Amino acid sequence: MSSQRKLEMLSTVHALEKAAMNKGYALAVDLVSGYCQFSERCTLDRATCMYPTKLSYSEEAVGVNVQATAKNAGIKAIFH
């Protein structure tokens, strides 16, 4: 996936989170697979983040057991 397409997708998901929160869903949160991908040069330091209002956490970072969730949804997780 191109960098531009990835940023468009992340921006769309972020906008959906914001819209859900504005409709009263206070626990709405956008999650990413792996690391936050808004910046090509992530500093891993919140104080110097170039996109602090777009910060996205991974599922694992907030306690989601991705393997169990996939299994419960009938999805077989394959790791290479």
Protein backbone atom coordinates (compact mmCIF):
# COMPACT_ATOMS: atom_id res chain seq x y z
CA MET A 1 0.00 0.00 0.00
CA SER A 2 1.38 3.41 -0.92
CA SER A 3 2.25 5.92 1.79
CA GLN A 4 -0.38 8.32 0.45
CA ARG A 5 -3.10 5.65 0.48
CA LYS A 6 -2.12 4.61 4.00
CA LEU A 7 -2.39 8.22 5.25
CA GLU A 8 -5.79 8.60 3.57
CA MET A 9 -7.04 5.45 5.26
CA LEU A 10 -5.67 6.47 8.67
CA SER A 11 -7.20 9.94 8.30
CA THR A 12 -10.58 8.40 7.44
CA VAL A 13 -10.48 6.12 10.48
CA HIS A 14 -9.46 9.07 12.66
CA ALA A 15 -12.38 11.12 11.29
CA LEU A 16 -14.78 8.25 12.08
CA GLU A 17 -13.49 8.16 15.66
CA LYS A 18 -14.05 11.89 15.99
CA ALA A 19 -17.57 11.66 14.52
CA ALA A 20 -18.47 8.81 16.89
CA MET A 21 -17.21 10.79 19.89
CA ASN A 22 -19.23 13.83 18.76
CA LYS A 23 -22.34 11.60 18.66
CA GLY A 24 -21.83 10.62 22.28
CA TYR A 25 -19.74 7.47 21.98
CA ALA A 26 -17.15 8.57 24.53
CA LEU A 27 -15.19 5.32 24.35
CA ALA A 28 -14.72 5.40 20.57
CA VAL A 29 -11.09 4.94 19.66
CA ASP A 30 -9.28 4.32 16.40
CA LEU A 31 -6.71 1.55 16.56
CA VAL A 32 -3.94 0.59 14.20
CA SER A 33 -2.25 -2.68 13.55
CA GLY A 34 1.28 -2.39 14.86
CA TYR A 35 2.70 1.07 15.38
CA CYS A 36 1.19 4.51 14.69
CA GLN A 37 1.85 5.16 11.01
CA PHE A 38 1.16 8.87 10.55
CA SER A 39 4.83 9.76 10.39
CA GLU A 40 7.65 8.16 8.44
CA ARG A 41 10.07 9.39 11.11
CA CYS A 42 8.37 8.59 14.39
CA THR A 43 10.40 9.80 17.36
CA LEU A 44 8.51 7.48 19.77
CA ASP A 45 8.36 10.51 22.04
CA ARG A 46 4.97 12.14 22.62
CA ALA A 47 6.60 15.46 23.42
CA THR A 48 8.02 15.73 19.89
CA CYS A 49 5.25 13.94 17.96
CA MET A 50 4.44 15.73 14.70
CA TYR A 51 0.80 14.57 14.89
CA PRO A 52 -0.19 14.54 18.58
CA THR A 53 -3.92 14.93 17.83
CA LYS A 54 -3.85 11.95 15.47
CA LEU A 55 -1.99 9.59 17.76
CA SER A 56 -3.23 6.02 17.27
CA TYR A 57 -2.55 3.07 19.51
CA SER A 58 -2.29 -0.56 18.49
CA GLU A 59 -4.91 -3.07 19.60
CA GLU A 60 -2.36 -4.81 21.79
CA ALA A 61 -1.35 -1.55 23.47
CA VAL A 62 -4.85 -1.11 24.89
CA GLY A 63 -5.23 -4.74 25.95
CA VAL A 64 -7.04 -6.32 23.02
CA ASN A 65 -6.08 -9.96 22.58
CA VAL A 66 -6.00 -9.97 18.79
CA GLN A 67 -5.61 -13.76 18.51
CA ALA A 68 -8.60 -14.44 20.77
CA THR A 69 -10.70 -11.78 19.03
CA ALA A 70 -9.93 -13.28 15.62
CA LYS A 71 -10.74 -16.77 16.91
CA ASN A 72 -14.07 -15.56 18.35
CA ALA A 73 -14.89 -14.03 14.96
CA GLY A 74 -14.08 -17.30 13.18
CA ILE A 75 -10.89 -15.95 11.64
CA LYS A 76 -7.85 -18.20 11.63
CA ALA A 77 -4.70 -16.22 12.47
CA ILE A 78 -1.62 -17.42 10.60
CA PHE A 79 1.80 -16.15 11.58
CA HIS A 80 4.82 -16.43 9.33
